[in-house]
Amino acid sequence: MATRLSDMSKERLLLPKMRVTSLVVLSGFLHQTLAAPNPPEVDKRALQTKCNGDNLYNSFIDRRYSASASAFCSSYIRPTITATTTVTTTVPAAKAKRDFAVTTYAPARLSSACSCILTATPPATTVQTTVIATVKPTGSCSAPTPVVKNGGFESGSLAPWALTEVTPPLPAYEQYLSVGVTSPGYGGSKNAFTVKDSAASSYVEVGLSQQNLTVCAGSQYQFAAQFYMTDAQAVPSPQTYVLVYVDGNLVASSKASDARGPPIVWLPLSGQFIAASETASLTVKFIATDYVDVEWGLDNVVVTQI
């Protein structure tokens, strides 16, 4: 009998000590991590009649820890209203996150105990969220402007243009065939590209090319330029041409009626193409197939996206 009384005395001594220890730990955590200013007061008498008196609830209403419990609960169950001003479906929504380190109790028990000790629901907190997303549609790109460099030959040189074909060949026939940038240009501008065959050769071909134009694959483009072609014949020859190619495909050409005798008459030349890739090669060819003593001019070469 003495032994049983001794054991019971030990249990009575241990139980309060364990309870105090666990409450001190909880109180310290609530004070350090989750305390909020001006917590609602705990109404113990009004709420005890409708709340289960489990260990968590009893810890919350203990007068030594009730202030910390109220502060924690005010933050834990505070309603949150989220207002989103800008959102796109391409931005993945962030996963919900609850910064709560106490893992001893399930969220349902925490919410239940907090609901019991608060005399009123804390005011809602509104969180204003702005999501800004830049979405690049599939297949779109931004090409630089202008697409054609030195299209007016105002630099006084050909670069980045290059001669890709000259017949009759230079320099063997340079005394008869002149190719390059001369003055004046279209509309009184400073320069233009010109080709002049003063020997009335049986066949003349000059290719002027600009490689690696930056374009947008799949987009449609407009080619435009000013040109002239004239010869010394009383009746202009129909055997003179200006042909425009993009990646080897013909996009624009002069008409037989465009051949004129002196004086020089500038005419528009235009055509359209669809870019096959993000780079393109532009070539303008000047061709004569008769002894016509021909001269060509080219100016204001422009390629624009439609």
Protein backbone atom coordinates (compact mmCIF):
# COMPACT_ATOMS: atom_id res chain seq x y z
CA MET A 1 0.00 0.00 0.00
CA ALA A 2 2.83 2.35 0.80
CA THR A 3 4.36 1.59 -2.57
CA ARG A 4 1.16 2.53 -4.47
CA LEU A 5 0.83 5.83 -2.60
CA SER A 6 4.43 6.62 -3.38
CA ASP A 7 3.90 5.95 -7.13
CA MET A 8 0.76 8.06 -7.23
CA SER A 9 2.61 10.93 -5.58
CA LYS A 10 5.27 10.75 -8.27
CA GLU A 11 2.66 10.86 -11.04
CA ARG A 12 1.04 13.92 -9.48
CA LEU A 13 4.39 15.62 -9.42
CA LEU A 14 5.30 14.67 -13.01
CA LEU A 15 2.04 15.59 -14.77
CA PRO A 16 2.00 19.31 -13.90
CA LYS A 17 5.67 19.55 -14.73
CA MET A 18 5.17 18.02 -18.21
CA ARG A 19 2.17 20.26 -18.89
CA VAL A 20 4.04 23.41 -17.84
CA THR A 21 7.03 22.42 -19.98
CA SER A 22 4.91 21.93 -23.14
CA LEU A 23 3.04 25.21 -22.59
CA VAL A 24 6.25 27.14 -22.06
CA VAL A 25 7.59 25.81 -25.38
CA LEU A 26 4.38 26.74 -27.20
CA SER A 27 4.29 30.17 -25.58
CA GLY A 28 7.90 30.87 -26.54
CA PHE A 29 7.23 29.88 -30.15
CA LEU A 30 4.11 32.03 -30.39
CA HIS A 31 5.88 35.05 -28.86
CA GLN A 32 8.90 34.78 -31.16
CA THR A 33 7.38 33.82 -34.50
CA LEU A 34 3.67 34.50 -34.75
CA ALA A 35 2.78 37.31 -32.37
CA ALA A 36 0.63 40.11 -33.86
CA PRO A 37 -0.11 43.60 -32.44
CA ASN A 38 -3.38 44.34 -30.61
CA PRO A 39 -4.80 40.78 -30.41
CA PRO A 40 -8.49 40.34 -29.53
CA GLU A 41 -9.13 39.45 -25.88
CA VAL A 42 -9.96 35.85 -24.96
CA ASP A 43 -13.45 35.38 -23.52
CA LYS A 44 -12.92 32.16 -21.56
CA ARG A 45 -16.28 32.00 -19.81
CA ALA A 46 -18.39 32.59 -22.92
CA LEU A 47 -16.58 30.07 -25.07
CA GLN A 48 -15.91 27.21 -22.67
CA THR A 49 -19.51 26.00 -22.95
CA LYS A 50 -19.28 25.34 -26.73
CA CYS A 51 -15.65 24.29 -27.31
CA ASN A 52 -13.94 20.97 -26.64
CA GLY A 53 -11.45 21.22 -23.84
CA ASP A 54 -8.59 19.38 -25.49
CA ASN A 55 -4.93 20.07 -24.70
CA LEU A 56 -4.51 22.66 -27.45
CA TYR A 57 -7.61 24.61 -26.43
CA ASN A 58 -6.64 24.44 -22.74
CA SER A 59 -3.18 25.77 -23.58
CA PHE A 60 -4.71 28.66 -25.55
CA ILE A 61 -7.02 29.76 -22.70
CA ASP A 62 -4.39 29.45 -19.98
CA ARG A 63 -4.05 33.02 -18.67
CA ARG A 64 -0.27 32.78 -18.85
CA TYR A 65 -0.36 32.17 -22.61
CA SER A 66 -3.70 33.59 -23.76
CA ALA A 67 -2.25 36.86 -25.12
CA SER A 68 0.23 35.02 -27.31
CA ALA A 69 -2.47 32.56 -28.43
CA SER A 70 -4.82 35.39 -29.39
CA ALA A 71 -2.10 37.13 -31.38
CA PHE A 72 -1.30 33.92 -33.22
CA CYS A 73 -4.93 33.09 -33.97
CA SER A 74 -5.69 36.60 -35.23
CA SER A 75 -3.06 36.07 -37.92
CA TYR A 76 -3.72 32.38 -38.52
CA ILE A 77 -7.44 32.55 -39.33
CA ARG A 78 -7.56 36.10 -40.72
CA PRO A 79 -9.52 36.07 -44.04
CA THR A 80 -7.48 37.11 -47.06
CA ILE A 81 -8.89 38.77 -50.18
CA THR A 82 -6.61 38.59 -53.20
CA ALA A 83 -7.13 41.10 -56.01
CA THR A 84 -5.28 40.36 -59.24
CA THR A 85 -4.94 43.25 -61.65
CA THR A 86 -3.04 41.59 -64.49
CA VAL A 87 -2.67 37.90 -65.21
CA THR A 88 -1.85 35.71 -68.21
CA THR A 89 -2.32 31.98 -68.64
CA THR A 90 1.32 31.62 -69.65
CA VAL A 91 2.51 32.43 -66.12
CA PRO A 92 2.15 29.41 -63.81
CA ALA A 93 0.26 30.21 -60.63
CA ALA A 94 2.33 30.06 -57.44
CA LYS A 95 1.53 27.25 -55.06
CA ALA A 96 -0.23 28.22 -51.83
CA LYS A 97 2.17 28.40 -48.91
CA ARG A 98 1.50 28.58 -45.18
CA ASP A 99 4.42 29.70 -43.02
CA PHE A 100 3.62 27.73 -39.89
CA ALA A 101 6.26 25.76 -38.04
CA VAL A 102 4.13 23.99 -35.44
CA THR A 103 3.69 20.43 -36.68
CA THR A 104 2.33 18.94 -33.47
CA TYR A 105 -1.27 19.86 -34.31
CA ALA A 106 -3.22 19.46 -37.55
CA PRO A 107 -4.53 22.64 -39.26
CA ALA A 108 -8.13 21.65 -38.51
CA ARG A 109 -7.41 21.54 -34.77
CA LEU A 110 -5.59 24.85 -34.86
CA SER A 111 -8.46 26.52 -36.71
CA SER A 112 -11.01 25.03 -34.33
CA ALA A 113 -9.15 26.14 -31.21
CA CYS A 114 -8.55 29.61 -32.62
CA SER A 115 -12.23 29.98 -33.51
CA CYS A 116 -13.09 29.20 -29.89
CA ILE A 117 -10.86 31.79 -28.24
CA LEU A 118 -11.52 34.77 -30.50
CA THR A 119 -14.55 36.91 -29.62
CA ALA A 120 -14.77 38.28 -33.19
CA THR A 121 -13.47 37.40 -36.64
CA PRO A 122 -10.37 39.49 -37.41
CA PRO A 123 -10.82 42.01 -40.26
CA ALA A 124 -9.92 40.71 -43.71
CA THR A 125 -6.56 41.51 -45.21
CA THR A 126 -6.56 42.53 -48.88
CA VAL A 127 -3.52 41.51 -50.88
CA GLN A 128 -3.12 43.35 -54.19
CA THR A 129 -1.30 41.15 -56.69
CA THR A 130 -0.04 42.33 -60.05
CA VAL A 131 1.28 39.76 -62.51
CA ILE A 132 3.00 41.15 -65.58
CA ALA A 133 3.90 38.66 -68.29
CA THR A 134 5.37 39.25 -71.70
CA VAL A 135 4.21 36.54 -74.05
CA LYS A 136 5.95 36.07 -77.34
CA PRO A 137 3.53 34.45 -79.80
CA THR A 138 4.81 31.37 -81.55
CA GLY A 139 6.55 32.18 -84.82
CA SER A 140 6.83 35.92 -84.23
CA CYS A 141 10.03 37.95 -84.31
CA SER A 142 11.20 41.50 -84.61
CA ALA A 143 13.32 42.38 -87.64
CA PRO A 144 15.47 45.54 -87.60
CA THR A 145 14.57 48.63 -89.58
CA PRO A 146 15.64 49.21 -92.28
CA VAL A 147 15.95 45.63 -93.51
CA VAL A 148 18.09 46.76 -96.47
CA LYS A 149 21.21 48.70 -95.53
CA ASN A 150 22.47 51.53 -97.74
CA GLY A 151 19.44 51.14 -99.99
CA GLY A 152 19.88 54.70 -101.27
CA PHE A 153 23.66 54.36 -101.80
CA GLU A 154 24.07 57.62 -99.90
CA SER A 155 27.24 56.32 -98.25
CA GLY A 156 29.01 56.76 -101.59
CA SER A 157 30.11 53.11 -101.66
CA LEU A 158 28.47 49.77 -102.42
CA ALA A 159 28.96 48.06 -99.04
CA PRO A 160 27.19 46.02 -97.83
CA TRP A 161 26.10 45.41 -101.43
CA ALA A 162 28.39 43.25 -103.56
CA LEU A 163 28.74 42.49 -107.28
CA THR A 164 27.91 38.82 -107.86
CA GLU A 165 28.00 38.65 -111.68
CA VAL A 166 29.61 40.92 -114.27
CA THR A 167 29.49 40.09 -118.00
CA PRO A 168 31.51 41.09 -119.92
CA PRO A 169 34.00 40.57 -117.11
CA LEU A 170 35.88 43.29 -115.32
CA PRO A 171 38.55 44.56 -115.42
CA ALA A 172 39.12 43.23 -118.96
CA TYR A 173 36.23 45.28 -120.29
CA GLU A 174 36.23 48.15 -117.84
CA GLN A 175 36.85 50.65 -120.66
CA TYR A 176 33.45 49.63 -122.06
CA LEU A 177 31.46 48.69 -118.95
CA SER A 178 31.20 51.00 -115.94
CA VAL A 179 29.58 49.76 -112.73
CA GLY A 180 29.30 51.59 -109.40
CA VAL A 181 27.84 54.46 -107.38
CA THR A 182 27.38 57.73 -109.28
CA SER A 183 25.63 61.07 -108.88
CA PRO A 184 22.92 62.24 -108.93
CA GLY A 185 20.30 59.79 -107.69
CA TYR A 186 16.53 59.57 -107.83
CA GLY A 187 14.65 62.78 -107.11
CA GLY A 188 17.81 64.83 -106.79
CA SER A 189 19.33 62.61 -104.10
CA LYS A 190 23.08 62.40 -103.84
CA ASN A 191 23.79 58.94 -105.30
CA ALA A 192 22.46 55.92 -107.16
CA PHE A 193 23.82 52.63 -108.42
CA THR A 194 24.41 52.66 -112.19
CA VAL A 195 25.49 50.25 -114.92
CA LYS A 196 26.54 51.55 -118.35
CA ASP A 197 27.58 49.50 -121.37
CA SER A 198 29.14 51.96 -123.79
CA ALA A 199 30.38 49.20 -126.17
CA ALA A 200 26.91 47.94 -127.10
CA SER A 201 27.90 44.41 -126.13
CA SER A 202 25.92 41.46 -127.39
CA TYR A 203 25.23 40.32 -123.81
CA VAL A 204 25.43 42.23 -120.56
CA GLU A 205 24.63 40.91 -117.08
CA VAL A 206 25.41 42.57 -113.77
CA GLY A 207 24.23 41.16 -110.44
CA LEU A 208 24.02 43.33 -107.31
CA SER A 209 23.40 41.42 -104.09
CA GLN A 210 22.95 42.01 -100.39
CA GLN A 211 23.26 38.86 -98.30
CA ASN A 212 21.91 37.90 -94.87
CA LEU A 213 19.02 40.35 -94.58
CA THR A 214 17.36 39.86 -91.17
CA VAL A 215 13.69 38.98 -91.63
CA CYS A 216 10.95 37.05 -89.82
CA ALA A 217 10.31 33.55 -91.11
CA GLY A 218 6.79 33.17 -92.49
CA SER A 219 6.16 36.94 -92.70
CA GLN A 220 5.25 38.74 -95.90
CA TYR A 221 7.45 41.54 -97.22
CA GLN A 222 7.21 44.28 -99.82
CA PHE A 223 10.15 45.08 -102.08
CA ALA A 224 10.22 48.58 -103.59
CA ALA A 225 12.80 50.61 -105.53
CA GLN A 226 13.23 53.27 -108.20
CA PHE A 227 15.01 52.40 -111.44
CA TYR A 228 15.59 53.48 -115.02
CA MET A 229 16.92 51.79 -118.16
CA THR A 230 17.68 53.66 -121.33
CA ASP A 231 19.59 53.11 -124.57
CA ALA A 232 20.74 55.03 -127.58
CA GLN A 233 18.31 53.42 -129.98
CA ALA A 234 15.69 55.44 -131.77
CA VAL A 235 13.21 52.79 -130.70
CA PRO A 236 14.08 51.45 -127.21
CA SER A 237 14.96 47.76 -127.27
CA PRO A 238 12.67 45.29 -125.49
CA GLN A 239 15.73 43.12 -124.80
CA THR A 240 16.70 44.94 -121.60
CA TYR A 241 15.61 43.86 -118.14
CA VAL A 242 15.79 44.54 -114.43
CA LEU A 243 15.03 41.43 -112.37
CA VAL A 244 14.76 41.16 -108.57
CA TYR A 245 15.28 37.86 -106.73
CA VAL A 246 14.95 36.90 -103.06
CA ASP A 247 16.63 33.60 -102.18
CA GLY A 248 16.69 32.79 -105.90
CA ASN A 249 12.97 33.40 -106.43
CA LEU A 250 11.83 36.14 -108.81
CA VAL A 251 9.76 38.76 -106.95
CA ALA A 252 9.80 41.75 -109.35
CA SER A 253 10.75 42.54 -112.96
CA SER A 254 10.66 45.42 -115.40
CA LYS A 255 8.34 45.45 -118.41
CA ALA A 256 9.38 45.79 -122.04
CA SER A 257 7.65 49.16 -122.10
CA ASP A 258 9.92 50.40 -119.29
CA ALA A 259 12.85 50.71 -121.70
CA ARG A 260 13.19 54.36 -122.68
CA GLY A 261 15.39 56.45 -124.85
CA PRO A 262 17.00 59.58 -123.47
CA PRO A 263 16.32 61.46 -121.30
CA ILE A 264 16.38 59.31 -118.14
CA VAL A 265 12.98 58.52 -116.64
CA TRP A 266 12.84 56.98 -113.14
CA LEU A 267 10.14 54.34 -112.65
CA PRO A 268 8.88 52.35 -109.62
CA LEU A 269 9.65 48.66 -109.26
CA SER A 270 7.92 46.51 -106.63
CA GLY A 271 7.00 42.98 -105.61
CA GLN A 272 6.18 40.82 -102.58
CA PHE A 273 7.63 37.71 -101.01
CA ILE A 274 7.26 35.51 -97.92
CA ALA A 275 10.43 34.97 -95.91
CA ALA A 276 11.42 31.29 -95.83
CA SER A 277 13.73 31.71 -92.83
CA GLU A 278 15.14 34.43 -90.57
CA THR A 279 17.68 35.51 -93.19
CA ALA A 280 17.25 36.32 -96.87
CA SER A 281 19.44 37.14 -99.85
CA LEU A 282 18.38 40.00 -102.16
CA THR A 283 19.77 40.18 -105.71
CA VAL A 284 19.03 42.70 -108.46
CA LYS A 285 20.11 41.71 -111.99
CA PHE A 286 20.56 44.03 -114.97
CA ILE A 287 20.48 42.12 -118.31
CA ALA A 288 20.63 43.13 -121.97
CA THR A 289 20.63 40.64 -124.86
CA ASP A 290 21.05 42.95 -127.83
CA TYR A 291 23.55 45.51 -129.05
CA VAL A 292 21.71 48.41 -127.45
CA ASP A 293 24.30 50.58 -125.67
CA VAL A 294 22.20 50.34 -122.48
CA GLU A 295 22.35 52.17 -119.15
CA TRP A 296 20.56 51.30 -115.89
CA GLY A 297 20.07 53.10 -112.60
CA LEU A 298 18.82 51.85 -109.20
CA ASP A 299 17.96 53.85 -106.07
CA ASN A 300 15.83 53.87 -102.89
CA VAL A 301 15.80 50.09 -102.39
CA VAL A 302 13.50 49.26 -99.48
CA VAL A 303 12.15 46.01 -98.00
CA THR A 304 9.34 46.38 -95.45
CA GLN A 305 7.24 43.88 -93.51
CA ILE A 306 3.56 43.88 -94.47
